[in-house]
Every structure is written in structure tokens, then in C-alpha cells.
Protein backbone atom coordinates (compact mmCIF):
# COMPACT_ATOMS: atom_id res chain seq x y z
CA MET A 1 0.00 0.00 0.00
CA ARG A 2 1.09 3.60 -0.54
CA MET A 3 1.30 5.96 2.44
CA GLN A 4 3.18 8.98 3.73
CA ALA A 5 6.08 8.71 6.16
CA ALA A 6 8.68 11.03 7.71
CA ILE A 7 12.11 9.70 6.65
CA MET A 8 15.42 10.68 8.23
CA PHE A 9 18.36 10.61 5.82
CA GLN A 10 21.00 12.40 7.95
CA HIS A 11 21.91 12.76 11.61
CA GLY A 12 23.00 15.96 13.25
CA LEU A 13 21.44 18.61 11.03
CA PRO A 14 21.45 22.05 12.69
CA ARG A 15 18.55 23.80 14.30
CA PRO A 16 16.08 25.20 13.61
CA TYR A 17 14.71 21.91 12.32
CA ALA A 18 11.90 23.76 10.60
CA SER A 19 14.61 25.00 8.19
CA SER A 20 17.07 22.08 8.05
CA THR A 21 14.23 19.50 7.86
CA PRO A 22 15.89 16.35 9.24
CA LEU A 23 12.60 14.51 8.63
CA ILE A 24 11.44 14.50 5.02
CA ILE A 25 7.81 13.65 4.22
CA GLU A 26 7.62 11.20 1.32
CA ASP A 27 5.17 8.82 -0.29
CA VAL A 28 6.43 5.28 0.30
CA GLU A 29 5.27 1.73 -0.27
CA LEU A 30 4.43 -0.42 2.75
CA GLU A 31 4.35 -4.18 2.28
CA GLY A 32 1.64 -6.19 3.99
CA PRO A 33 2.30 -8.07 7.24
CA GLY A 34 4.32 -11.26 7.18
CA PRO A 35 3.87 -14.22 9.55
CA GLY A 36 3.51 -13.03 13.14
CA GLU A 37 3.10 -9.41 12.04
CA VAL A 38 0.26 -6.90 12.08
CA LEU A 39 -0.61 -3.87 9.95
CA ILE A 40 -1.84 -0.96 12.06
CA GLU A 41 -3.15 2.47 11.24
CA ILE A 42 -1.26 4.99 13.37
CA ALA A 43 -3.77 6.99 15.41
CA ALA A 44 -1.24 8.97 17.48
CA ALA A 45 2.51 8.92 18.05
CA GLY A 46 4.31 10.81 20.80
CA LEU A 47 7.39 12.92 20.11
CA CYS A 48 9.97 11.76 22.65
CA HIS A 49 13.49 12.89 23.58
CA SER A 50 14.76 9.52 22.34
CA ASP A 51 13.55 10.51 18.87
CA LEU A 52 15.28 13.87 19.29
CA SER A 53 18.49 12.06 20.27
CA ALA A 54 18.34 10.13 17.00
CA ILE A 55 17.87 13.35 15.04
CA GLU A 56 20.80 14.96 16.85
CA GLY A 57 22.99 11.93 16.21
CA ILE A 58 23.45 11.30 19.93
CA ARG A 59 21.87 7.89 19.51
CA PRO A 60 22.23 7.16 15.78
CA ARG A 61 20.10 4.75 13.77
CA PRO A 62 20.76 2.99 10.44
CA LEU A 63 19.79 5.35 7.62
CA PRO A 64 17.47 6.05 5.93
CA VAL A 65 14.98 5.37 8.70
CA VAL A 66 11.45 6.13 9.82
CA ILE A 67 11.67 6.76 13.55
CA GLY A 68 8.86 7.08 16.09
CA HIS A 69 8.54 4.57 18.93
CA GLU A 70 5.66 5.69 21.18
CA GLY A 71 2.14 5.32 19.92
CA ALA A 72 -1.25 3.74 19.59
CA GLY A 73 -3.15 2.51 16.58
CA ILE A 74 -5.93 0.44 15.09
CA VAL A 75 -5.41 -3.04 13.68
CA ARG A 76 -6.16 -3.19 9.94
CA GLU A 77 -4.73 -6.58 8.90
CA CYS A 78 -3.19 -9.57 10.66
CA GLY A 79 -0.47 -11.75 9.18
CA GLU A 80 -0.32 -15.52 9.24
CA GLY A 81 -0.39 -16.99 12.73
CA VAL A 82 -1.84 -13.93 14.47
CA THR A 83 -5.11 -15.24 15.88
CA ASP A 84 -5.64 -13.14 19.02
CA LEU A 85 -6.17 -9.81 17.22
CA LYS A 86 -8.67 -8.75 14.59
CA PRO A 87 -9.28 -5.66 12.45
CA ASP A 88 -10.49 -2.60 14.41
CA ASP A 89 -8.84 -3.72 17.67
CA HIS A 90 -6.98 -0.91 19.42
CA VAL A 91 -3.36 -1.43 20.45
CA VAL A 92 -0.53 0.34 22.24
CA THR A 93 2.85 -0.21 20.64
CA VAL A 94 5.93 -1.50 22.49
CA PHE A 95 9.33 -0.18 21.43
CA VAL A 96 11.26 -3.31 22.45
CA SER A 97 10.46 -6.37 20.38
CA SER A 98 10.99 -9.65 22.21
CA CYS A 99 11.23 -13.28 21.15
CA GLY A 100 9.37 -14.78 24.10
CA GLY A 101 11.72 -17.72 24.47
CA CYS A 102 15.20 -16.53 25.49
CA ARG A 103 16.48 -16.64 29.08
CA PHE A 104 15.54 -12.98 29.59
CA CYS A 105 12.00 -13.33 28.25
CA VAL A 106 11.24 -16.47 30.26
CA ARG A 107 12.47 -14.71 33.42
CA GLY A 108 10.02 -11.87 32.88
CA ARG A 109 12.53 -9.42 31.40
CA PRO A 110 11.44 -9.02 27.76
CA ASN A 111 12.62 -5.41 27.87
CA ILE A 112 16.24 -6.61 27.54
CA CYS A 113 15.63 -9.40 25.00
CA PRO A 114 18.80 -9.60 22.83
CA SER A 115 16.86 -10.30 19.64
CA GLY A 116 15.01 -7.04 20.05
CA SER A 117 18.27 -5.15 20.51
CA ALA A 118 19.81 -6.84 17.46
CA ALA A 119 16.81 -5.95 15.29
CA ARG A 120 16.92 -2.32 16.47
CA ALA A 121 20.62 -2.06 15.61
CA ALA A 122 20.00 -3.57 12.17
CA GLY A 123 16.98 -1.38 11.45
CA THR A 124 14.70 -4.37 10.88
CA LEU A 125 11.65 -5.99 12.40
CA ILE A 126 12.42 -8.85 14.77
CA SER A 127 11.87 -11.21 11.82
CA GLY A 128 14.78 -9.55 10.04
CA GLY A 129 12.50 -8.10 7.40
CA LYS A 130 12.01 -4.56 6.16
CA ARG A 131 8.54 -3.58 5.02
CA ILE A 132 9.01 0.07 3.91
CA ARG A 133 10.36 1.06 0.50
CA ARG A 134 10.81 4.40 -1.20
CA LEU A 135 9.18 4.77 -4.59
CA ASN A 136 12.59 4.21 -6.21
CA GLY A 137 12.72 0.77 -4.58
CA GLU A 138 15.23 1.65 -1.83
CA ALA A 139 14.57 -0.13 1.48
CA VAL A 140 13.94 2.09 4.49
CA ASN A 141 15.00 1.03 7.99
CA HIS A 142 12.58 0.57 10.86
CA GLY A 143 13.05 2.63 14.02
CA SER A 144 12.71 0.44 17.14
CA GLY A 145 10.79 -2.10 15.09
CA LEU A 146 7.90 0.35 14.83
CA SER A 147 8.44 3.40 12.55
CA LEU A 148 5.43 5.31 13.86
CA PHE A 149 6.08 8.65 12.16
CA ALA A 150 3.98 7.40 9.27
CA GLN A 151 0.34 6.79 8.45
CA TYR A 152 0.61 3.02 8.85
CA ALA A 153 3.10 0.52 10.22
CA VAL A 154 3.77 -3.20 10.00
CA VAL A 155 5.02 -4.44 13.36
CA ALA A 156 5.60 -7.74 15.15
CA ARG A 157 2.68 -9.08 17.18
CA ARG A 158 4.86 -8.97 20.30
CA SER A 159 5.41 -5.25 19.71
CA MET A 160 1.89 -4.32 20.77
CA VAL A 161 -0.66 -4.85 23.52
CA LYS A 162 -4.41 -4.92 22.90
CA VAL A 163 -6.22 -2.24 24.93
CA ASP A 164 -9.67 -0.93 25.77
CA SER A 165 -11.19 0.66 22.66
CA THR A 166 -13.19 3.17 24.73
CA ILE A 167 -10.07 5.10 25.83
CA PRO A 168 -8.92 8.04 23.66
CA LEU A 169 -6.07 6.92 21.43
CA ASP A 170 -4.28 10.23 22.06
CA ASP A 171 -3.99 9.28 25.73
CA LEU A 172 -3.12 5.66 25.02
CA ALA A 173 -0.17 6.65 22.80
CA ILE A 174 1.69 8.03 25.82
CA PHE A 175 1.63 4.60 27.48
CA GLY A 176 3.91 3.25 24.73
CA CYS A 177 7.03 4.88 26.16
CA ALA A 178 6.64 7.71 28.67
CA VAL A 179 4.30 5.83 30.99
CA MET A 180 6.12 2.51 30.86
CA THR A 181 9.53 4.15 31.29
CA GLY A 182 8.60 6.64 34.00
CA ALA A 183 6.00 4.79 36.04
CA GLY A 184 7.87 1.51 35.57
CA ALA A 185 11.10 3.00 36.92
CA VAL A 186 9.28 3.89 40.13
CA LEU A 187 7.00 0.89 40.61
CA ASN A 188 9.09 -1.88 39.02
CA THR A 189 12.80 -1.03 39.08
CA ALA A 190 12.81 0.97 42.32
CA GLY A 191 10.01 -1.07 43.88
CA MET A 192 8.75 2.02 45.68
CA GLN A 193 6.55 1.41 48.71
CA ALA A 194 3.92 3.61 50.31
CA GLY A 195 5.60 6.04 52.72
CA ASP A 196 8.91 6.18 50.83
CA THR A 197 10.81 9.37 50.05
CA ILE A 198 11.64 9.71 46.36
CA ALA A 199 13.16 12.30 44.04
CA VAL A 200 12.51 12.67 40.30
CA LEU A 201 15.27 14.42 38.39
CA GLY A 202 14.17 15.60 34.93
CA LEU A 203 10.55 16.55 34.34
CA GLY A 204 9.85 15.71 30.72
CA GLY A 205 7.17 13.22 29.73
CA VAL A 206 9.02 10.33 31.38
CA GLY A 207 9.82 12.25 34.56
CA MET A 208 6.26 13.49 34.98
CA ASN A 209 4.99 9.93 34.70
CA ALA A 210 7.48 8.93 37.40
CA LEU A 211 6.04 11.74 39.50
CA PHE A 212 2.47 10.52 38.87
CA ALA A 213 3.49 6.98 39.84
CA ALA A 214 5.13 8.19 43.05
CA VAL A 215 1.91 10.00 43.97
CA ALA A 216 -0.24 7.00 43.02
CA GLY A 217 2.03 4.67 45.01
CA GLY A 218 1.71 6.72 48.20
CA ALA A 219 5.20 8.21 48.51
CA GLU A 220 5.39 10.33 51.67
CA ARG A 221 7.71 12.91 50.17
CA ILE A 222 8.26 13.60 46.47
CA ILE A 223 11.11 15.87 45.44
CA ALA A 224 11.05 17.26 41.90
CA ILE A 225 14.22 18.62 40.27
CA ASP A 226 14.59 20.28 36.88
CA THR A 227 16.20 23.21 35.07
CA SER A 228 12.77 24.69 34.18
CA VAL A 229 10.89 26.85 36.68
CA GLU A 230 7.69 26.25 34.72
CA LYS A 231 8.00 22.47 34.95
CA LEU A 232 8.74 22.69 38.66
CA GLY A 233 5.51 24.65 39.07
CA LEU A 234 3.57 21.93 37.27
CA ALA A 235 5.24 19.27 39.40
CA ARG A 236 4.09 20.98 42.57
CA GLN A 237 0.55 21.21 41.21
CA TRP A 238 0.65 17.50 40.38
CA GLY A 239 1.87 16.21 43.74
CA ALA A 240 5.52 17.12 44.38
CA THR A 241 6.08 18.13 48.00
CA ASP A 242 9.42 19.87 47.33
CA THR A 243 10.93 21.42 44.20
CA PHE A 244 14.52 22.41 43.44
CA LEU A 245 16.11 24.16 40.47
CA ALA A 246 18.96 22.00 39.19
CA THR A 247 20.93 25.03 37.95
CA ASP A 248 21.26 26.55 41.43
CA ALA A 249 24.88 26.37 42.55
CA ASP A 250 23.89 25.03 45.98
CA CYS A 251 21.23 22.60 44.71
CA VAL A 252 22.93 19.48 46.12
CA GLU A 253 23.56 21.05 49.52
CA ARG A 254 19.99 22.35 49.77
CA ILE A 255 18.46 18.97 48.92
CA ARG A 256 20.71 17.06 51.32
CA THR A 257 19.90 19.53 54.10
CA ALA A 258 16.18 19.40 53.41
CA THR A 259 16.18 15.59 53.45
CA ASP A 260 18.42 15.05 56.49
CA GLY A 261 21.36 13.69 54.52
CA GLY A 262 19.89 12.72 51.18
CA VAL A 263 17.05 11.00 49.36
CA ASP A 264 16.37 7.28 49.66
CA THR A 265 15.49 6.77 45.97
CA VAL A 266 16.37 9.08 43.08
CA ILE A 267 14.81 8.52 39.64
CA GLU A 268 17.03 10.10 36.97
CA THR A 269 15.24 10.69 33.67
CA ALA A 270 17.18 13.59 32.13
CA GLY A 271 19.61 11.37 30.21
CA ASN A 272 22.85 13.28 30.70
CA ILE A 273 25.91 12.80 32.88
CA GLN A 274 25.45 16.06 34.83
CA ALA A 275 22.02 14.87 35.92
CA MET A 276 23.41 11.48 36.91
CA GLU A 277 26.14 13.14 38.98
CA LEU A 278 23.54 15.27 40.74
CA ALA A 279 21.36 12.21 41.35
CA TYR A 280 24.21 10.27 42.93
CA ALA A 281 25.26 13.26 45.05
CA ILE A 282 21.81 13.65 46.64
CA THR A 283 21.32 9.93 47.31
CA ALA A 284 21.39 9.05 51.01
CA ARG A 285 23.47 6.30 52.57
CA GLY A 286 21.75 3.02 51.80
CA GLY A 287 19.80 4.68 49.00
CA SER A 288 19.61 4.00 45.29
CA VAL A 289 19.79 5.84 41.99
CA VAL A 290 17.53 4.49 39.25
CA SER A 291 18.60 5.81 35.86
CA ALA A 292 15.95 5.74 33.14
CA GLY A 293 17.48 8.48 30.95
CA LEU A 294 19.57 7.52 27.93
CA PRO A 295 22.72 9.65 27.44
CA ALA A 296 24.90 9.80 24.35
CA GLN A 297 26.54 6.52 23.41
CA GLY A 298 29.98 6.33 24.99
CA ALA A 299 29.15 8.76 27.81
CA ASN A 300 30.70 7.69 31.13
CA PHE A 301 29.60 8.26 34.71
CA SER A 302 32.18 7.87 37.49
CA TYR A 303 31.93 7.59 41.26
CA MET A 304 34.18 6.99 44.26
CA HIS A 305 34.05 3.24 44.64
CA ALA A 306 34.93 3.25 48.34
CA GLY A 307 31.95 5.48 49.01
CA LEU A 308 29.67 3.19 47.02
CA VAL A 309 30.71 0.35 49.34
CA SER A 310 30.82 2.16 52.68
CA ASP A 311 27.55 4.03 52.04
CA GLU A 312 25.86 0.95 50.55
CA LYS A 313 24.45 2.92 47.66
CA SER A 314 22.97 1.20 44.62
CA ILE A 315 22.96 2.28 40.97
CA LEU A 316 20.27 0.63 38.85
CA GLY A 317 19.49 0.91 35.17
CA SER A 318 15.85 0.93 34.13
CA TYR A 319 15.09 0.24 30.47
CA MET A 320 11.45 0.59 29.46
CA GLY A 321 10.66 0.74 33.16
CA SER A 322 11.61 -2.93 33.65
CA CYS A 323 8.15 -3.60 32.22
CA VAL A 324 6.46 -6.73 31.01
CA PRO A 325 4.14 -4.90 28.62
CA GLU A 326 1.32 -7.45 28.67
CA ARG A 327 1.25 -7.15 32.47
CA ASP A 328 2.09 -3.51 33.03
CA ILE A 329 0.27 -1.58 30.32
CA PRO A 330 -3.13 -2.87 31.52
CA ARG A 331 -2.33 -2.09 35.16
CA PHE A 332 -1.09 1.40 34.28
CA ILE A 333 -4.26 1.96 32.24
CA GLY A 334 -6.20 0.86 35.31
CA LEU A 335 -4.51 3.61 37.33
CA TYR A 336 -5.33 6.07 34.55
CA LYS A 337 -9.01 5.08 34.61
CA ARG A 338 -9.12 5.77 38.35
CA GLY A 339 -7.50 9.19 37.88
CA LYS A 340 -4.24 8.07 39.50
CA LEU A 341 -2.11 8.37 36.35
CA PRO A 342 -3.45 11.52 34.64
CA VAL A 343 -1.42 11.31 31.44
CA GLU A 344 -3.88 13.59 29.63
CA ARG A 345 -2.32 16.51 31.53
CA LEU A 346 0.93 16.02 29.64
CA LYS A 347 -0.49 16.62 26.17
CA SER A 348 0.99 19.72 24.54
CA GLY A 349 -1.10 19.60 21.37
CA THR A 350 -1.47 17.51 18.23
CA LEU A 351 0.09 18.01 14.81
CA PRO A 352 0.03 16.60 11.27
CA LEU A 353 3.04 15.05 9.55
CA ALA A 354 3.80 18.33 7.79
CA ASP A 355 4.59 20.08 11.10
CA ILE A 356 6.88 17.41 12.56
CA ASN A 357 10.17 19.32 12.20
CA SER A 358 8.80 22.43 13.90
CA ALA A 359 7.49 20.20 16.70
CA PHE A 360 11.00 18.88 17.34
CA ASP A 361 12.20 22.49 17.65
CA ARG A 362 9.66 22.95 20.44
CA LEU A 363 10.78 19.72 22.10
CA ALA A 364 14.44 20.77 21.93
CA ASP A 365 13.52 24.13 23.48
CA GLY A 366 12.01 22.30 26.46
CA SER A 367 8.75 24.20 26.06
CA VAL A 368 6.49 21.13 25.75
CA LEU A 369 5.87 17.82 27.48
CA ARG A 370 4.16 15.47 25.00
CA GLN A 371 3.24 16.53 21.49
CA LEU A 372 1.22 13.96 19.58
CA LEU A 373 1.57 13.33 15.88
CA ARG A 374 -1.72 12.52 14.14
CA PRO A 375 -0.46 11.34 10.74
CA ASN A 376 -3.87 10.55 9.29
CA ILE A 377 -5.51 13.94 9.83
């Protein structure tokens, strides 16, 4: 079938993106779904900092590529062997494909399935196939096995979760990355308990979902940290008990004083080494840093090893919120239905494919939380 897609041919083009146009809108051909695959119509796709990192070249992808990894859609066709979905079902996409049979999958850790990582690096679906072609016949790579900055996508069955069709698809799209990564970091990786003290460092879409999860989970004290005064104001409205500006020279000292020596659990979502250093510095003895932000490839974080031992600190990575999507997306949607995970507050507007480059300028400026691409309007 013929459709429109936003293709990236180069990394690292300069801003403003509205002028340099790193994403080029083209008509392309999309092959139908193969065995174990599903064709979906993209209803909404979130613009995430991970997409921005690909555009900047911080986290490069095989080129040319259609990126976009957070979204929701409607099933239009099922490939051979897909018997548990049917046309018109609503689904949330999952940006880590998994095989279901490796030692990580069978231990409940599909988020770190090696076959998914290998497919992402190769720019293919988990089957090894590529389903997008330019009109000149050139194959186009898949971003995260999804390629959601397009009108339609062919994805692996294990790259989606069927969801309640009564929920607005604009809201559901945010569950595909920001909710899983942020809420999962708090409830899964950190294992936060009611009454805990927790800090969230970095208040983008992922960080705000971590904040929502901390509120929903009954944290006694929730400390929000960011470089934006406006985002700190929103965090206080949405449940933070304390807010600190990360750019203040005495930020670390002020937080450690306010928390009697540091925070028990710090969720780092900013994805840079300065943020990680701040997170580690404000962590109390016996506390833990959970890092859910992805920095540039090759970036290194260092610490005094003796202090790690004598203070019994922990440093934990959290990829996709340590989620099992089939388990966690429904439970997070359950919190949303009860008003405990108000993701609709994060929406910063919708846009058509033609405005996608300008939207990434706004994301890079830090002036928005979650913009939603609506490629079929």
C-alpha cells in the first residue's frame, strides 16, 4: 500500500529543524504483514526525547529510517499466525520487540531481550524483514521495530498490547514509552513502597509519569528537580512536596539539608551525565539511583568506589521501566481510569506530519511535554 512517512536521511542537522528538515515527508510503499506481524493504522505517536536524540545523532540509527517509537493505533490486517487480534482492535505499541523464548524473556525481562536489541541495531523488524520502500525501490529502515512517524506501520505481534477501545487513542499513545519508562522505573525497578521518600530528576514526559506513579504509590515525600521553573511549578501542582532548580549552585547542599542527609530513591530521567552526577550526590546512605534516561553513546559516569561500598548505595538501570508490557500496560491503564495516572495533563497539542520538524524544535527548546503526531488527519 502507498502511504506517507517522515524519513530521516541524515543525523546531526542544525537547528532550527523547521529550516534544516531532518525529517522529510515522502510517499512510500508499505508491504503487507508477514507471519507473526500486524498492519496498524497509526492513530497517534508521541514525540519523545529519544527521537530527538536520533535526530541529533546522539543515539544514531541505520539510515534512511522512519523513527517514532511511542504510539497507539488500530489493527487493519493480521499476518499468518496472528489469531488473538482482529481488524479494528486498538493497540498500544511497544518499542522493544521480544522473542518470548530466550532466558531474559522467560524470566520476565522481555525489555532486555537480545533479539530485540539486534533488530533495532539492524533497522529491521524482529523477523529480520524490512517492510518500507521508497518509490525508487530503496529499502527504508525501521526505528525500534515500529516506525510510527507514518500513516501506517507493520510491526511484530509482540510489539503491541491490545487495549480498551473506549479510551482516547491520544492518551493511550503516551503509554507506549513515557508511561512505561517513568511509572515503571518507580514501581518496578525501584520497587517504591507507600511512605517512601523519592526524588525525580528531569521533568519531561518520562519524569512526569514517574512523579504521577510516586503520587499513586503513596510516597510520603516527592522531590522534583529540573532546570525549568515552569515544569517545577507543574510538578508541585501534580503532587511534588518539594521542588529544586537544578541550575542553582547550591542545589545538592539544599536537597541534602532538606532531606536530612539525602534521598532514599532518586529517579534520573534527564539522560545526561550532569544529571546522573547530581542524582548520585543527593542519594542518602543506603539509597539507590535508578537511571531511566539515555545519554549519548559512549558517555561515562564515574563515582568513588569506596563510598559506594561504605555508604551501601545502589545504581540501577531501568530500560522501558523494567516492564512486562502485557502485564504492566493494563495495570497502568487501570490507574489512569481511576485518575491516578493523569497522562492527559501532559499533552501539549497535536500536529500533522507536515509540522513534525517544527514540533522537534519545540521539544528541543524544552517548552512542551508530550506533542502527539496525528499522521492521518
